[in-house]
Amino acid sequence: MPILELTDEQVIELVRQLPPERQRAALLALAAGAGERRAERMKYAETQLRALCAERGLDWNGMSEDQREAFIDDLIHEDRACGP
């Protein structure tokens, strides 16, 4: 089957031409795929966070939700030191 290349705008216009129930089905299919990829990204991010914690002598599993949030906040704000 040949591959048809369309711009984002063309795809959106094609979806808009569908009857409302088919538009909804298309959007739900796209959302389901995004949710699956989101779970993969979250798993990867958690693996990376665990490794960063270990590098700093911290235990991700032993941290409270507030401690985890503070750790991530420290990572985001490079002007502050990360630590317990």
Protein backbone atom coordinates (compact mmCIF):
# COMPACT_ATOMS: atom_id res chain seq x y z
CA MET A 1 0.00 0.00 0.00
CA PRO A 2 1.47 3.40 -0.92
CA ILE A 3 2.10 5.93 1.83
CA LEU A 4 0.20 9.19 1.50
CA GLU A 5 1.94 12.17 3.06
CA LEU A 6 -0.32 14.94 4.33
CA THR A 7 0.28 18.08 6.32
CA ASP A 8 -1.25 18.41 9.77
CA GLU A 9 -3.72 20.91 8.36
CA GLN A 10 -4.80 18.47 5.65
CA VAL A 11 -5.37 15.71 8.20
CA ILE A 12 -7.43 18.03 10.38
CA GLU A 13 -9.50 19.12 7.40
CA LEU A 14 -10.15 15.50 6.42
CA VAL A 15 -11.29 14.65 9.94
CA ARG A 16 -13.59 17.69 9.95
CA GLN A 17 -15.25 16.34 6.81
CA LEU A 18 -16.27 13.15 8.61
CA PRO A 19 -19.72 12.81 10.18
CA PRO A 20 -19.66 13.74 13.89
CA GLU A 21 -19.74 10.13 15.11
CA ARG A 22 -16.76 9.24 12.90
CA GLN A 23 -14.89 12.35 14.09
CA ARG A 24 -15.41 11.18 17.65
CA ALA A 25 -14.17 7.68 16.80
CA ALA A 26 -11.06 9.12 15.15
CA LEU A 27 -10.33 11.34 18.15
CA LEU A 28 -10.83 8.47 20.59
CA ALA A 29 -8.44 6.29 18.57
CA LEU A 30 -5.82 9.04 18.61
CA ALA A 31 -6.30 9.65 22.33
CA ALA A 32 -5.91 5.95 23.09
CA GLY A 33 -2.59 5.88 21.25
CA ALA A 34 -1.40 8.97 23.08
CA GLY A 35 -2.29 7.36 26.40
CA GLU A 36 -0.21 4.29 25.60
CA ARG A 37 2.79 6.43 24.68
CA ARG A 38 2.27 8.50 27.81
CA ALA A 39 2.58 5.39 29.97
CA GLU A 40 5.84 4.50 28.21
CA ARG A 41 7.20 8.02 28.76
CA MET A 42 6.22 7.96 32.43
CA LYS A 43 7.93 4.61 32.95
CA TYR A 44 11.09 5.92 31.27
CA ALA A 45 10.99 9.13 33.34
CA GLU A 46 10.59 7.19 36.58
CA THR A 47 13.57 5.00 35.67
CA GLN A 48 15.64 8.12 35.06
CA LEU A 49 14.50 9.69 38.33
CA ARG A 50 15.40 6.55 40.27
CA ALA A 51 18.88 6.62 38.72
CA LEU A 52 19.34 10.32 39.57
CA CYS A 53 18.26 9.64 43.15
CA ALA A 54 20.71 6.76 43.44
CA GLU A 55 23.53 8.99 42.13
CA ARG A 56 22.74 11.41 44.96
CA GLY A 57 22.42 8.74 47.64
CA LEU A 58 18.63 9.00 47.80
CA ASP A 59 16.04 6.22 47.73
CA TRP A 60 13.13 7.00 45.41
CA ASN A 61 11.01 4.25 46.99
CA GLY A 62 11.62 5.59 50.49
CA MET A 63 10.72 9.17 49.59
CA SER A 64 7.32 10.65 50.34
CA GLU A 65 5.35 12.30 47.56
CA ASP A 66 6.38 15.72 48.91
CA GLN A 67 10.04 14.68 48.95
CA ARG A 68 9.77 13.44 45.37
CA GLU A 69 8.19 16.70 44.27
CA ALA A 70 10.92 18.69 46.03
CA PHE A 71 13.60 16.55 44.38
CA ILE A 72 12.10 17.13 40.93
CA ASP A 73 11.73 20.83 41.68
CA ASP A 74 15.43 20.93 42.59
CA LEU A 75 16.29 19.21 39.31
CA ILE A 76 14.29 21.72 37.32
CA HIS A 77 15.81 24.74 39.08
CA GLU A 78 19.51 24.42 38.38
CA ASP A 79 20.35 27.40 40.54
CA ARG A 80 19.60 25.35 43.65
CA ALA A 81 21.44 22.28 44.92
CA CYS A 82 19.65 18.92 44.85
CA GLY A 83 19.73 17.00 48.07
CA PRO A 84 17.84 15.54 50.99
